[in-house]
Amino acid sequence: MPSKTSFAPQKICILGSTGSIGMQALQVIDENPAFFRLEVLTANDNADLLIRQALQYKPATVVIANEDHYKKISDALRQEDIKVFAGSKSIEQIVHSAGIDIVLVAIVGFAAMRPTIEAIYARKRIAIANKESLVVAGHIISPLVIKNRVEMIPVDSEHSAIFQSLSGENPERIKKLILTASGGPFRHTSIEHLQNIQVKDALQHPNWTMGDKITIDSASMMNKGLEVIEAKWLFGVDIDRIEVVIHPESIIHSLVHFVDGSIKAQLSNPDMRYPIQYAFTYPDRLPNNIQHFDFQQYKKLSFEKPDVQIFRNLALAFEAGKRGGNAPCILNAANEAAVEAFLSQKIKFLDLPKVVEKTMEKITFDKNPDLTALEECHRESIRKANEIINKLKV
């Protein structure tokens, strides 16, 4: 990236600006106004926050997925030079805008799949913070990225760490990828105690500030399981060569073990602004005001093996990743339904993997699904998961 004196600001489109990643991306942009210009903001349902963001940042365009909010947003921005659109199709179309350099995909869940694919066709740099697109459709998305010569830079701290550790390396010399996990709030919690875990307890992550859905996924370790499948597609490494290690301090974000025995890692304080900024500036780096890691504050960095008997979701994700086809789609959809039910206090914490496993048993396996088949599989898996949830209701 050129020096500040010759640098043309990168025009950013944030898909999912009202979520945790989207809001932290806005902080990165705030700190670097000479380097970034906000072009597009989108949200699913949070019209009030989207309006406030639009009034503060003055993007060229805002899009709300829920069409019921179109009039409210349009009226609120009537005096501004901001275009307003609504509907999921509008989100897919907006990424083709000639005024966009970088698309940050920060939409949570399956809904990000189509916009991600459209951003690939539009040949934008993609800062990918959504796991589910690659988890569900990696066999479709990865070849499209290569065919369209698109830069897809991971924003997940773990995948960003691997991406950075692989800089200048031959991918064929990877022995294995090691994803670190904090272990969440229940790392040393017994099965007996997990029986009575409340939603408020599961939302208390020890290291990271995230949205509700990803925080619950972290507590159940489904988040790490999804990251394993995502890493398979991002870096072209078989599931058998991906390992998960518990690292409670969340300082080492992931590691790459090479065939000569060397291991490279990326370290920083647990703050998502680091990988967001890196995805925006790659291959350059900008200074920032985020608190930097200080070795003097840590007497040790520790590691341990995850307990897949307690955190059954992690084992299920490895199983789905190895099986391939529509198995990851089923896993993801069932988990989305289960997390929503848990947050609504319809099921218990230990019911989360039960819903996922039972749904995976009920849905017909498809070895090579296309996009339409995946969308149908997602709907059917949600329906089946909800049937299972209704039988488990507390």
Protein backbone atom coordinates (compact mmCIF):
# COMPACT_ATOMS: atom_id res chain seq x y z
CA MET A 1 0.00 0.00 0.00
CA PRO A 2 1.44 3.42 -0.94
CA SER A 3 2.60 5.96 1.60
CA LYS A 4 0.12 8.29 3.21
CA THR A 5 1.04 11.19 0.93
CA SER A 6 0.12 9.30 -2.27
CA PHE A 7 -2.57 7.02 -0.93
CA ALA A 8 -6.09 7.21 -2.35
CA PRO A 9 -8.55 6.32 0.44
CA GLN A 10 -9.98 2.82 0.17
CA LYS A 11 -13.77 2.89 -0.19
CA ILE A 12 -15.36 0.46 2.24
CA CYS A 13 -18.68 -1.40 2.10
CA ILE A 14 -19.70 -2.94 5.44
CA LEU A 15 -22.25 -5.71 5.13
CA GLY A 16 -23.62 -5.94 8.67
CA SER A 17 -22.58 -2.58 10.10
CA THR A 18 -24.80 -2.81 13.19
CA GLY A 19 -23.22 -6.02 14.48
CA SER A 20 -20.15 -6.36 16.66
CA ILE A 21 -17.63 -6.69 13.81
CA GLY A 22 -19.30 -3.94 11.80
CA MET A 23 -19.15 -1.50 14.71
CA GLN A 24 -15.50 -2.31 15.40
CA ALA A 25 -14.75 -1.77 11.72
CA LEU A 26 -16.24 1.71 12.05
CA GLN A 27 -13.79 2.35 14.88
CA VAL A 28 -10.91 1.35 12.58
CA ILE A 29 -12.21 3.75 9.95
CA ASP A 30 -12.61 6.49 12.58
CA GLU A 31 -8.96 6.16 13.52
CA ASN A 32 -7.72 6.28 9.92
CA PRO A 33 -9.84 8.88 8.08
CA ALA A 34 -7.07 9.59 5.57
CA PHE A 35 -6.91 5.95 4.53
CA PHE A 36 -10.54 4.81 4.47
CA ARG A 37 -13.83 6.22 3.25
CA LEU A 38 -17.15 4.64 4.12
CA GLU A 39 -19.20 4.02 0.98
CA VAL A 40 -21.97 1.58 1.99
CA LEU A 41 -23.60 0.48 5.24
CA THR A 42 -26.06 -2.43 5.45
CA ALA A 43 -28.03 -4.01 8.28
CA ASN A 44 -30.58 -6.75 8.68
CA ASP A 45 -33.15 -5.39 11.11
CA ASN A 46 -31.61 -2.71 13.35
CA ALA A 47 -33.05 0.33 11.61
CA ASP A 48 -32.46 2.77 14.47
CA LEU A 49 -28.74 2.07 14.72
CA LEU A 50 -28.36 2.07 10.93
CA ILE A 51 -29.94 5.53 10.82
CA ARG A 52 -27.57 6.82 13.50
CA GLN A 53 -24.58 5.37 11.67
CA ALA A 54 -25.72 6.89 8.37
CA LEU A 55 -26.14 10.34 9.93
CA GLN A 56 -22.69 10.13 11.51
CA TYR A 57 -20.68 8.65 8.62
CA LYS A 58 -22.59 9.98 5.59
CA PRO A 59 -22.10 6.94 3.32
CA ALA A 60 -23.25 7.11 -0.28
CA THR A 61 -25.72 4.26 0.28
CA VAL A 62 -27.46 2.36 3.06
CA VAL A 63 -29.38 -0.90 2.68
CA ILE A 64 -31.74 -2.54 5.17
CA ALA A 65 -32.55 -6.22 4.57
CA ASN A 66 -35.92 -6.03 6.32
CA GLU A 67 -38.10 -4.16 3.82
CA ASP A 68 -40.56 -3.19 6.56
CA HIS A 69 -38.02 -0.57 7.72
CA TYR A 70 -37.51 1.09 4.34
CA LYS A 71 -39.89 4.02 4.90
CA LYS A 72 -38.58 4.74 8.38
CA ILE A 73 -34.99 4.92 7.16
CA SER A 74 -35.86 6.78 3.98
CA ASP A 75 -37.77 9.42 5.95
CA ALA A 76 -34.97 9.81 8.50
CA LEU A 77 -32.38 10.36 5.77
CA ARG A 78 -34.52 12.42 3.44
CA GLN A 79 -32.42 15.55 3.99
CA GLU A 80 -29.15 13.68 3.41
CA ASP A 81 -27.38 12.88 0.17
CA ILE A 82 -27.68 9.15 0.91
CA LYS A 83 -29.39 6.55 -1.25
CA VAL A 84 -31.62 4.09 0.62
CA PHE A 85 -32.51 0.58 -0.55
CA ALA A 86 -34.17 -2.42 1.08
CA GLY A 87 -34.30 -6.19 0.71
CA SER A 88 -31.78 -9.01 0.57
CA LYS A 89 -31.46 -8.67 -3.22
CA SER A 90 -30.39 -5.05 -2.77
CA ILE A 91 -27.59 -6.19 -0.47
CA GLU A 92 -26.44 -8.65 -3.11
CA GLN A 93 -26.54 -5.99 -5.81
CA ILE A 94 -24.86 -3.16 -3.90
CA VAL A 95 -21.50 -4.97 -3.77
CA HIS A 96 -21.23 -4.47 -7.55
CA SER A 97 -21.07 -0.69 -7.09
CA ALA A 98 -18.10 0.85 -8.87
CA GLY A 99 -17.53 3.07 -5.83
CA ILE A 100 -16.45 0.14 -3.61
CA ASP A 101 -12.89 -1.16 -3.17
CA ILE A 102 -13.32 -3.46 -0.15
CA VAL A 103 -16.35 -5.44 1.02
CA LEU A 104 -16.34 -6.40 4.68
CA VAL A 105 -18.69 -9.38 5.05
CA ALA A 106 -19.80 -9.06 8.68
CA ILE A 107 -23.30 -10.51 8.28
CA VAL A 108 -23.90 -13.32 10.76
CA GLY A 109 -25.01 -16.74 9.58
CA PHE A 110 -26.16 -18.34 6.33
CA ALA A 111 -27.57 -15.03 5.03
CA ALA A 112 -24.04 -13.90 4.05
CA MET A 113 -23.55 -16.62 1.43
CA ARG A 114 -25.19 -14.92 -1.57
CA PRO A 115 -23.68 -11.45 -0.92
CA THR A 116 -20.24 -13.05 -0.55
CA ILE A 117 -20.58 -14.81 -3.89
CA GLU A 118 -21.76 -11.58 -5.54
CA ALA A 119 -18.74 -9.74 -4.12
CA ILE A 120 -16.52 -12.39 -5.73
CA TYR A 121 -18.22 -11.90 -9.10
CA ALA A 122 -17.79 -8.14 -8.64
CA ARG A 123 -14.04 -8.78 -8.11
CA LYS A 124 -13.84 -6.75 -4.92
CA ARG A 125 -11.31 -7.35 -2.18
CA ILE A 126 -13.29 -9.30 0.42
CA ALA A 127 -12.57 -9.00 4.12
CA ILE A 128 -14.44 -12.09 5.27
CA ALA A 129 -15.68 -12.09 8.86
CA ASN A 130 -18.53 -14.51 8.21
CA LYS A 131 -17.69 -18.15 8.86
CA GLU A 132 -20.86 -19.72 7.56
CA SER A 133 -20.37 -18.87 3.86
CA LEU A 134 -17.21 -20.96 3.60
CA VAL A 135 -18.45 -23.58 6.04
CA VAL A 136 -21.57 -24.22 3.98
CA ALA A 137 -20.38 -23.47 0.46
CA GLY A 138 -16.59 -23.68 0.53
CA HIS A 139 -16.60 -26.12 -2.37
CA ILE A 140 -18.37 -23.45 -4.45
CA ILE A 141 -16.75 -20.27 -3.10
CA SER A 142 -13.09 -21.33 -3.08
CA PRO A 143 -12.97 -22.16 -6.82
CA LEU A 144 -14.79 -18.88 -7.58
CA VAL A 145 -12.18 -16.91 -5.62
CA ILE A 146 -9.41 -18.53 -7.67
CA LYS A 147 -11.24 -18.18 -11.00
CA ASN A 148 -12.02 -14.49 -10.44
CA ARG A 149 -8.59 -13.74 -8.92
CA VAL A 150 -10.14 -12.17 -5.87
CA GLU A 151 -8.31 -11.31 -2.66
CA MET A 152 -10.22 -12.88 0.22
CA ILE A 153 -8.60 -11.77 3.47
CA PRO A 154 -9.82 -13.49 6.65
CA VAL A 155 -10.97 -11.30 9.54
CA ASP A 156 -11.48 -14.02 12.15
CA SER A 157 -8.53 -13.60 14.49
CA GLU A 158 -7.54 -17.26 14.07
CA HIS A 159 -7.58 -17.26 10.29
CA SER A 160 -5.94 -13.85 10.11
CA ALA A 161 -3.14 -15.28 12.27
CA ILE A 162 -2.68 -18.22 9.90
CA PHE A 163 -2.85 -15.93 6.87
CA GLN A 164 -0.13 -13.72 8.36
CA SER A 165 2.00 -16.70 9.40
CA LEU A 166 1.86 -18.09 5.86
CA SER A 167 3.20 -14.86 4.33
CA GLY A 168 6.20 -15.76 2.17
CA GLU A 169 5.75 -19.49 2.83
CA ASN A 170 5.06 -22.38 0.47
CA PRO A 171 1.58 -23.75 1.37
CA GLU A 172 2.76 -27.21 0.31
CA ARG A 173 5.16 -27.18 3.27
CA ILE A 174 2.38 -27.00 5.86
CA LYS A 175 2.35 -29.99 8.21
CA LYS A 176 -0.71 -28.82 10.11
CA LEU A 177 -2.67 -25.76 11.15
CA ILE A 178 -3.24 -25.19 14.86
CA LEU A 179 -6.28 -23.09 15.77
CA THR A 180 -6.26 -21.72 19.29
CA ALA A 181 -9.42 -21.41 21.36
CA SER A 182 -9.94 -19.55 24.62
CA GLY A 183 -12.15 -22.35 25.93
CA GLY A 184 -14.88 -19.82 26.63
CA PRO A 185 -16.48 -19.36 30.06
CA PHE A 186 -16.92 -23.10 30.74
CA ARG A 187 -13.43 -24.44 30.05
CA HIS A 188 -13.17 -26.32 33.36
CA THR A 189 -16.87 -26.76 34.03
CA SER A 190 -18.24 -30.23 34.73
CA ILE A 191 -21.11 -31.80 32.83
CA GLU A 192 -23.16 -31.69 36.02
CA HIS A 193 -22.74 -27.92 36.35
CA LEU A 194 -23.39 -27.36 32.64
CA GLN A 195 -26.85 -28.87 33.12
CA ASN A 196 -28.01 -25.65 34.77
CA ILE A 197 -26.11 -23.01 32.82
CA GLN A 198 -28.17 -19.85 32.22
CA VAL A 199 -28.08 -17.68 29.11
CA LYS A 200 -26.48 -14.80 31.03
CA ASP A 201 -23.65 -17.12 32.11
CA ALA A 202 -22.99 -18.31 28.56
CA LEU A 203 -22.82 -14.71 27.33
CA GLN A 204 -19.95 -13.86 29.70
CA HIS A 205 -16.93 -14.52 27.49
CA PRO A 206 -13.67 -14.07 29.41
CA ASN A 207 -11.65 -12.41 26.62
CA TRP A 208 -13.67 -11.28 23.62
CA THR A 209 -16.54 -8.85 23.07
CA MET A 210 -18.82 -10.35 20.41
CA GLY A 211 -22.45 -10.60 19.36
CA ASP A 212 -24.79 -12.99 21.19
CA LYS A 213 -24.80 -15.72 18.56
CA ILE A 214 -21.03 -16.03 18.22
CA THR A 215 -20.60 -15.74 22.00
CA ILE A 216 -22.86 -18.76 22.54
CA ASP A 217 -21.02 -20.59 19.76
CA SER A 218 -17.77 -19.86 21.56
CA ALA A 219 -19.16 -21.15 24.86
CA SER A 220 -20.24 -24.41 23.19
CA MET A 221 -17.07 -24.51 21.01
CA MET A 222 -19.17 -24.71 17.86
CA ASN A 223 -17.45 -21.50 16.85
CA LYS A 224 -14.11 -23.29 16.81
CA GLY A 225 -15.62 -26.19 14.91
CA LEU A 226 -16.90 -23.84 12.22
CA GLU A 227 -13.45 -22.25 12.08
CA VAL A 228 -11.90 -25.66 11.42
CA ILE A 229 -14.11 -26.15 8.36
CA GLU A 230 -13.49 -22.57 7.25
CA ALA A 231 -9.72 -23.08 7.52
CA LYS A 232 -9.99 -26.14 5.29
CA TRP A 233 -11.29 -23.96 2.45
CA LEU A 234 -9.28 -20.81 3.10
CA PHE A 235 -5.93 -22.59 3.16
CA GLY A 236 -6.54 -25.81 1.22
CA VAL A 237 -5.66 -28.09 4.14
CA ASP A 238 -7.47 -31.36 4.88
CA ILE A 239 -9.42 -31.56 8.14
CA ASP A 240 -7.03 -34.27 9.36
CA ARG A 241 -4.23 -31.68 9.34
CA ILE A 242 -6.10 -29.12 11.44
CA GLU A 243 -5.81 -29.18 15.23
CA VAL A 244 -7.53 -27.21 17.99
CA VAL A 245 -5.66 -26.22 21.15
CA ILE A 246 -7.11 -24.42 24.17
CA HIS A 247 -5.14 -21.24 24.90
CA PRO A 248 -6.97 -19.39 27.69
CA GLU A 249 -5.01 -16.13 27.40
CA SER A 250 -6.08 -15.56 23.75
CA ILE A 251 -2.72 -13.98 22.88
CA ILE A 252 -1.49 -16.50 20.31
CA HIS A 253 -4.30 -16.44 17.78
CA SER A 254 -3.21 -19.50 15.78
CA LEU A 255 -0.11 -21.28 14.54
CA VAL A 256 1.27 -22.97 11.44
CA HIS A 257 3.39 -26.10 11.90
CA PHE A 258 5.70 -26.69 8.93
CA VAL A 259 7.20 -29.96 7.70
CA ASP A 260 10.66 -29.04 9.04
CA GLY A 261 9.29 -28.78 12.58
CA SER A 262 9.23 -24.98 12.68
CA ILE A 263 6.10 -23.28 14.03
CA LYS A 264 5.07 -19.71 13.22
CA ALA A 265 2.46 -17.85 15.22
CA GLN A 266 0.84 -14.42 15.36
CA LEU A 267 0.39 -12.70 18.73
CA SER A 268 -1.61 -9.68 19.84
CA ASN A 269 -4.06 -8.66 22.50
CA PRO A 270 -7.59 -10.06 21.94
CA ASP A 271 -9.11 -7.20 19.97
CA MET A 272 -10.90 -7.68 16.64
CA ARG A 273 -9.74 -4.30 15.41
CA TYR A 274 -6.32 -5.84 14.70
CA PRO A 275 -7.48 -8.35 12.05
CA ILE A 276 -10.07 -5.90 10.66
CA GLN A 277 -7.43 -3.25 10.08
CA TYR A 278 -5.01 -5.79 8.61
CA ALA A 279 -7.64 -7.01 6.13
CA PHE A 280 -8.24 -3.40 5.07
CA THR A 281 -4.53 -2.52 4.66
CA TYR A 282 -2.93 -5.80 3.52
CA PRO A 283 -0.10 -6.17 2.59
CA ASP A 284 0.82 -3.00 4.49
CA ARG A 285 0.34 -2.21 8.18
CA LEU A 286 -0.77 1.02 9.84
CA PRO A 287 -0.01 2.23 13.36
CA ASN A 288 -2.98 2.36 15.72
CA ASN A 289 -3.98 3.32 19.24
CA ILE A 290 -5.11 -0.17 20.28
CA GLN A 291 -3.40 -1.40 23.43
CA HIS A 292 -0.46 -3.50 22.27
CA PHE A 293 0.66 -6.78 23.80
CA ASP A 294 3.26 -6.52 26.57
CA PHE A 295 5.17 -9.66 27.57
CA GLN A 296 5.72 -8.22 31.04
CA GLN A 297 2.00 -8.57 31.76
CA TYR A 298 2.04 -12.35 31.18
CA LYS A 299 4.20 -14.68 33.25
CA LYS A 300 3.15 -17.63 31.10
CA LEU A 301 1.08 -18.62 28.08
CA SER A 302 -0.71 -21.93 28.58
CA PHE A 303 -2.17 -24.63 26.35
CA GLU A 304 -4.38 -27.68 26.84
CA LYS A 305 -6.35 -30.20 24.86
CA PRO A 306 -10.09 -29.54 24.37
CA ASP A 307 -12.50 -31.99 25.97
CA VAL A 308 -14.71 -33.13 23.08
CA GLN A 309 -16.81 -35.23 25.43
CA ILE A 310 -18.00 -32.08 27.19
CA PHE A 311 -17.83 -29.86 24.10
CA ARG A 312 -19.55 -32.28 21.73
CA ASN A 313 -20.12 -29.57 19.12
CA LEU A 314 -16.41 -29.49 18.29
CA ALA A 315 -16.40 -33.21 17.52
CA LEU A 316 -19.55 -32.85 15.40
CA ALA A 317 -17.93 -30.08 13.36
CA PHE A 318 -14.84 -32.20 12.67
CA GLU A 319 -17.15 -35.02 11.59
CA ALA A 320 -19.13 -32.75 9.25
CA GLY A 321 -15.95 -31.23 7.82
CA LYS A 322 -14.51 -34.65 7.02
CA ARG A 323 -17.75 -35.85 5.46
CA GLY A 324 -18.16 -32.76 3.29
CA GLY A 325 -21.08 -32.35 0.90
CA ASN A 326 -24.08 -30.83 2.65
CA ALA A 327 -23.04 -32.09 6.10
CA PRO A 328 -21.53 -28.71 7.13
CA CYS A 329 -24.72 -27.00 5.89
CA ILE A 330 -26.83 -29.24 8.13
CA LEU A 331 -24.48 -28.67 11.06
CA ASN A 332 -24.59 -24.90 10.65
CA ALA A 333 -28.36 -24.64 10.15
CA ALA A 334 -29.14 -26.87 13.12
CA ASN A 335 -26.77 -24.85 15.26
CA GLU A 336 -28.38 -21.56 14.20
CA ALA A 337 -31.78 -22.90 15.25
CA ALA A 338 -30.40 -24.34 18.49
CA VAL A 339 -28.62 -21.13 19.51
CA GLU A 340 -31.75 -19.08 18.83
CA ALA A 341 -33.76 -21.50 20.98
CA PHE A 342 -31.20 -21.36 23.80
CA LEU A 343 -31.12 -17.55 23.75
CA SER A 344 -34.92 -17.66 23.98
CA GLN A 345 -34.60 -20.08 26.92
CA LYS A 346 -36.50 -22.83 25.10
CA ILE A 347 -33.72 -25.40 25.54
CA LYS A 348 -30.79 -25.98 27.90
CA PHE A 349 -27.12 -25.38 27.13
CA LEU A 350 -26.36 -29.10 26.86
CA ASP A 351 -29.22 -29.45 24.37
CA LEU A 352 -27.23 -27.47 21.77
CA PRO A 353 -25.18 -30.44 20.48
CA LYS A 354 -28.19 -32.76 20.85
CA VAL A 355 -30.15 -30.65 18.37
CA VAL A 356 -27.21 -30.56 15.96
CA GLU A 357 -26.48 -34.27 16.14
CA LYS A 358 -30.11 -35.37 15.78
CA THR A 359 -30.61 -33.03 12.80
CA MET A 360 -27.49 -34.39 11.10
CA GLU A 361 -28.97 -37.88 11.48
CA LYS A 362 -32.34 -36.89 9.95
CA ILE A 363 -31.33 -34.93 6.82
CA THR A 364 -30.41 -36.81 3.64
CA PHE A 365 -26.72 -36.54 2.72
CA ASP A 366 -25.86 -34.86 -0.59
CA LYS A 367 -22.24 -35.34 -1.68
CA ASN A 368 -22.00 -32.40 -4.12
CA PRO A 369 -24.82 -29.88 -3.59
CA ASP A 370 -25.13 -26.77 -5.73
CA LEU A 371 -26.19 -23.39 -4.35
CA THR A 372 -29.91 -24.07 -4.75
CA ALA A 373 -29.58 -27.45 -3.04
CA LEU A 374 -27.70 -25.83 -0.15
CA GLU A 375 -30.41 -23.24 0.33
CA GLU A 376 -33.06 -25.95 0.39
CA CYS A 377 -30.91 -28.02 2.76
CA HIS A 378 -30.59 -25.01 5.07
CA ARG A 379 -34.37 -24.50 5.18
CA GLU A 380 -35.07 -28.20 5.72
CA SER A 381 -32.42 -28.46 8.43
CA ILE A 382 -33.87 -25.44 10.27
CA ARG A 383 -37.34 -27.01 10.06
CA LYS A 384 -36.11 -30.38 11.33
CA ALA A 385 -34.04 -28.77 14.10
CA ASN A 386 -37.06 -26.82 15.29
CA GLU A 387 -39.08 -30.05 15.45
CA ILE A 388 -36.37 -31.53 17.66
CA ILE A 389 -36.24 -28.35 19.76
CA ASN A 390 -40.00 -28.50 20.37
CA LYS A 391 -39.58 -31.98 21.86
CA LEU A 392 -36.73 -30.78 24.10
CA LYS A 393 -38.36 -27.60 25.41
CA VAL A 394 -37.64 -26.92 29.09
